[in-house]
C-alpha atoms as a PDB file:
ATOM      1  CA  MET A   1      24.598  -0.306 -34.593  1.00  0.00           C
ATOM      2  CA  SER A   2      21.756  -0.166 -37.083  1.00  0.00           C
ATOM      3  CA  ASP A   3      18.572   1.788 -36.579  1.00  0.00           C
ATOM      4  CA  THR A   4      16.610  -1.393 -35.876  1.00  0.00           C
ATOM      5  CA  GLU A   5      19.032  -2.492 -33.162  1.00  0.00           C
ATOM      6  CA  LEU A   6      18.939   0.964 -31.619  1.00  0.00           C
ATOM      7  CA  LEU A   7      15.143   0.948 -31.560  1.00  0.00           C
ATOM      8  CA  LYS A   8      15.136  -2.503 -29.951  1.00  0.00           C
ATOM      9  CA  ALA A   9      17.592  -1.359 -27.296  1.00  0.00           C
ATOM     10  CA  MET A  10      15.479   1.721 -26.578  1.00  0.00           C
ATOM     11  CA  ALA A  11      12.310  -0.404 -26.378  1.00  0.00           C
ATOM     12  CA  VAL A  12      13.930  -2.816 -23.922  1.00  0.00           C
ATOM     13  CA  ALA A  13      15.222   0.049 -21.772  1.00  0.00           C
ATOM     14  CA  SER A  14      11.810   1.703 -21.803  1.00  0.00           C
ATOM     15  CA  ALA A  15      10.057  -1.551 -20.936  1.00  0.00           C
ATOM     16  CA  LEU A  16      12.405  -2.181 -18.008  1.00  0.00           C
ATOM     17  CA  ASN A  17      11.838   1.319 -16.658  1.00  0.00           C
ATOM     18  CA  THR A  18       8.085   0.931 -16.992  1.00  0.00           C
ATOM     19  CA  LEU A  19       8.186  -2.457 -15.287  1.00  0.00           C
ATOM     20  CA  SER A  20      10.213  -1.115 -12.376  1.00  0.00           C
ATOM     21  CA  VAL A  21       7.775   1.781 -11.899  1.00  0.00           C
ATOM     22  CA  VAL A  22       4.780  -0.564 -11.949  1.00  0.00           C
ATOM     23  CA  VAL A  23       6.410  -2.894  -9.423  1.00  0.00           C
ATOM     24  CA  GLY A  24       7.188   0.084  -7.191  1.00  0.00           C
ATOM     25  CA  ILE A  25       3.586   1.263  -7.364  1.00  0.00           C
ATOM     26  CA  LEU A  26       2.287  -2.196  -6.470  1.00  0.00           C
ATOM     27  CA  ILE A  27       4.644  -2.524  -3.517  1.00  0.00           C
ATOM     28  CA  ASN A  28       3.718   0.939  -2.273  1.00  0.00           C
ATOM     29  CA  ASP A  29       0.016   0.132  -2.629  1.00  0.00           C
ATOM     30  CA  ALA A  30       0.424  -3.052  -0.604  1.00  0.00           C
ATOM     31  CA  LYS A  31       2.236  -1.173   2.155  1.00  0.00           C
ATOM     32  CA  LEU A  32      -0.469   1.500   2.235  1.00  0.00           C
ATOM     33  CA  ARG A  33      -3.173  -1.172   2.487  1.00  0.00           C
ATOM     34  CA  GLU A  34      -1.289  -2.779   5.370  1.00  0.00           C
ATOM     35  CA  LEU A  35      -0.953   0.590   7.117  1.00  0.00           C
ATOM     36  CA  ARG A  36      -4.654   1.274   6.664  1.00  0.00           C
ATOM     37  CA  ALA A  37      -5.535  -2.125   8.126  1.00  0.00           C
ATOM     38  CA  ASN A  38      -3.306  -1.431  11.135  1.00  0.00           C
ATOM     39  CA  ILE A  39      -4.894   1.981  11.706  1.00  0.00           C
ATOM     40  CA  GLU A  40      -8.398   0.527  11.433  1.00  0.00           C
ATOM     41  CA  ALA A  41      -7.497  -2.194  13.923  1.00  0.00           C
ATOM     42  CA  MET A  42      -6.148   0.421  16.314  1.00  0.00           C
ATOM     43  CA  PHE A  43      -9.359   2.453  16.074  1.00  0.00           C
ATOM     44  CA  ASP A  44     -11.442  -0.689  16.553  1.00  0.00           C
ATOM     45  CA  ARG A  45      -9.543  -1.465  19.751  1.00  0.00           C
ATOM     46  CA  SER A  46     -10.022   2.068  21.047  1.00  0.00           C
ATOM     47  CA  ASP A  47     -13.728   1.925  20.159  1.00  0.00           C
ATOM     48  CA  SER A  48     -14.112  -1.261  22.155  1.00  0.00           C
ATOM     49  CA  ARG A  49     -12.310   0.342  25.097  1.00  0.00           C
ATOM     50  CA  PHE A  50     -14.701   3.283  25.033  1.00  0.00           C
ATOM     51  CA  ASP A  51     -17.639   0.882  24.850  1.00  0.00           C
ATOM     52  CA  GLU A  52     -16.305  -0.973  27.896  1.00  0.00           C
ATOM     53  CA  MET A  53     -15.894   2.283  29.796  1.00  0.00           C
ATOM     54  CA  ARG A  54     -19.429   3.339  28.870  1.00  0.00           C
ATOM     55  CA  ASP A  55     -20.813  -0.009  30.050  1.00  0.00           C
ATOM     56  CA  ARG A  56     -18.915   0.239  33.333  1.00  0.00           C
ATOM     57  CA  SER A  57     -20.175   3.757  33.970  1.00  0.00           C
ATOM     58  CA  ARG A  58     -23.766   2.576  33.481  1.00  0.00           C
ATOM     59  CA  LEU A  59     -23.323  -0.109  36.137  1.00  0.00           C
ATOM     60  CA  THR A  60     -22.181   2.294  38.829  1.00  0.00           C
END
């Protein structure tokens, strides 16, 4: 194998590793965004429940 072929093989291997890391980061970011949206929705539901309880206590 010549030096040029070796450098090409190393560049391809490095590019594949970099690509796999970037894809992993993007997937992880998407999952974290989904988790955050779920947590915010849960807090919004609990906020509305507290608001309902506060309104009911004012009526009595």
